Amino acid sequence: MGQKVGDKYRYPEDFGKMCPWSFYILYPRILTLLSGGSFYYYDDGGDSTTVGCSDHKHQVVYRIRRETVEDE
């Protein structure tokens, strides 16, 4: 998929730009953040988490976080 360190994705705008299996792993956490939930074990108020991809040959760790985005 051509993903590299530092890539950023916005949901739902960039839905098709990342590996579908990675999205499958991330989606439950995305829903948690979208619904107002948090991940208490980070010092940023629970607005982020890290998730490892399940592909054992191409280990990738994602950090997802909730950000306020101003309308453009």
C-alpha atoms as a PDB file:
ATOM      1  CA  MET A   1       0.000   0.000   0.000  1.00  0.00           C
ATOM      2  CA  GLY A   2       3.029   2.293   0.103  1.00  0.00           C
ATOM      3  CA  GLN A   3       2.577   3.380   3.711  1.00  0.00           C
ATOM      4  CA  LYS A   4       5.578   4.978   5.400  1.00  0.00           C
ATOM      5  CA  VAL A   5       6.549   6.409   8.777  1.00  0.00           C
ATOM      6  CA  GLY A   6       4.795   9.697   9.439  1.00  0.00           C
ATOM      7  CA  ASP A   7       1.831   9.140   7.114  1.00  0.00           C
ATOM      8  CA  LYS A   8      -1.381  10.660   8.423  1.00  0.00           C
ATOM      9  CA  TYR A   9      -4.901   9.614   7.592  1.00  0.00           C
ATOM     10  CA  ARG A  10      -8.180  11.354   8.319  1.00  0.00           C
ATOM     11  CA  TYR A  11     -11.326   9.344   8.854  1.00  0.00           C
ATOM     12  CA  PRO A  12     -13.511   9.013   6.820  1.00  0.00           C
ATOM     13  CA  GLU A  13     -11.861  11.078   4.059  1.00  0.00           C
ATOM     14  CA  ASP A  14      -8.817   8.805   3.641  1.00  0.00           C
ATOM     15  CA  PHE A  15     -10.630   5.504   4.145  1.00  0.00           C
ATOM     16  CA  GLY A  16      -9.309   3.810   0.959  1.00  0.00           C
ATOM     17  CA  LYS A  17      -5.710   4.994   1.269  1.00  0.00           C
ATOM     18  CA  MET A  18      -4.534   2.555   3.930  1.00  0.00           C
ATOM     19  CA  CYS A  19      -4.252  -1.206   4.047  1.00  0.00           C
ATOM     20  CA  PRO A  20      -7.737  -2.703   4.542  1.00  0.00           C
ATOM     21  CA  TRP A  21      -6.480  -5.089   7.251  1.00  0.00           C
ATOM     22  CA  SER A  22      -4.912  -2.221   9.148  1.00  0.00           C
ATOM     23  CA  PHE A  23      -8.188  -0.338   8.986  1.00  0.00           C
ATOM     24  CA  TYR A  24      -9.998  -3.442  10.242  1.00  0.00           C
ATOM     25  CA  ILE A  25      -7.699  -3.498  13.294  1.00  0.00           C
ATOM     26  CA  LEU A  26      -8.035   0.272  13.902  1.00  0.00           C
ATOM     27  CA  TYR A  27     -11.783   0.625  13.368  1.00  0.00           C
ATOM     28  CA  PRO A  28     -12.943  -0.374  16.898  1.00  0.00           C
ATOM     29  CA  ARG A  29     -10.583   2.242  18.370  1.00  0.00           C
ATOM     30  CA  ILE A  30     -11.762   4.845  15.855  1.00  0.00           C
ATOM     31  CA  LEU A  31     -15.341   4.187  16.940  1.00  0.00           C
ATOM     32  CA  THR A  32     -14.339   4.574  20.590  1.00  0.00           C
ATOM     33  CA  LEU A  33     -12.862   8.007  19.902  1.00  0.00           C
ATOM     34  CA  LEU A  34     -15.761   9.081  17.653  1.00  0.00           C
ATOM     35  CA  SER A  35     -18.297   8.168  20.313  1.00  0.00           C
ATOM     36  CA  GLY A  36     -16.533  10.230  22.990  1.00  0.00           C
ATOM     37  CA  GLY A  37     -14.699   7.368  24.659  1.00  0.00           C
ATOM     38  CA  SER A  38     -11.086   7.542  25.746  1.00  0.00           C
ATOM     39  CA  PHE A  39      -8.018   5.429  26.412  1.00  0.00           C
ATOM     40  CA  TYR A  40      -7.090   6.182  30.015  1.00  0.00           C
ATOM     41  CA  TYR A  41      -3.552   4.790  29.894  1.00  0.00           C
ATOM     42  CA  TYR A  42      -2.066   7.736  27.965  1.00  0.00           C
ATOM     43  CA  ASP A  43      -1.135  11.113  29.443  1.00  0.00           C
ATOM     44  CA  ASP A  44      -2.988  13.082  26.751  1.00  0.00           C
ATOM     45  CA  GLY A  45      -6.392  12.847  28.384  1.00  0.00           C
ATOM     46  CA  GLY A  46      -7.210   9.559  26.670  1.00  0.00           C
ATOM     47  CA  ASP A  47      -7.339  11.036  23.164  1.00  0.00           C
ATOM     48  CA  SER A  48      -4.923   8.522  21.600  1.00  0.00           C
ATOM     49  CA  THR A  49      -3.815   4.910  21.558  1.00  0.00           C
ATOM     50  CA  THR A  50      -1.333   2.712  19.705  1.00  0.00           C
ATOM     51  CA  VAL A  51      -2.327  -0.388  17.784  1.00  0.00           C
ATOM     52  CA  GLY A  52      -0.138  -3.033  16.172  1.00  0.00           C
ATOM     53  CA  CYS A  53      -1.017  -4.497  12.795  1.00  0.00           C
ATOM     54  CA  SER A  54      -1.785  -8.219  12.796  1.00  0.00           C
ATOM     55  CA  ASP A  55       0.436  -8.915   9.757  1.00  0.00           C
ATOM     56  CA  HIS A  56       3.400 -10.794  11.213  1.00  0.00           C
ATOM     57  CA  LYS A  57       5.533 -10.207   8.090  1.00  0.00           C
ATOM     58  CA  HIS A  58       5.067  -6.434   7.979  1.00  0.00           C
ATOM     59  CA  GLN A  59       4.925  -5.195  11.537  1.00  0.00           C
ATOM     60  CA  VAL A  60       3.478  -1.726  11.722  1.00  0.00           C
ATOM     61  CA  VAL A  61       2.419   0.144  14.837  1.00  0.00           C
ATOM     62  CA  TYR A  62      -0.160   2.883  14.416  1.00  0.00           C
ATOM     63  CA  ARG A  63      -0.871   5.732  16.775  1.00  0.00           C
ATOM     64  CA  ILE A  64      -4.369   7.071  16.418  1.00  0.00           C
ATOM     65  CA  ARG A  65      -5.571  10.203  18.115  1.00  0.00           C
ATOM     66  CA  ARG A  66      -8.596  12.405  18.294  1.00  0.00           C
ATOM     67  CA  GLU A  67      -7.993  15.947  17.068  1.00  0.00           C
ATOM     68  CA  THR A  68     -10.302  18.881  16.614  1.00  0.00           C
ATOM     69  CA  VAL A  69     -10.238  19.906  12.964  1.00  0.00           C
ATOM     70  CA  GLU A  70     -11.440  23.320  11.924  1.00  0.00           C
ATOM     71  CA  ASP A  71     -13.743  23.424   8.901  1.00  0.00           C
ATOM     72  CA  GLU A  72     -11.805  24.408   5.830  1.00  0.00           C
END
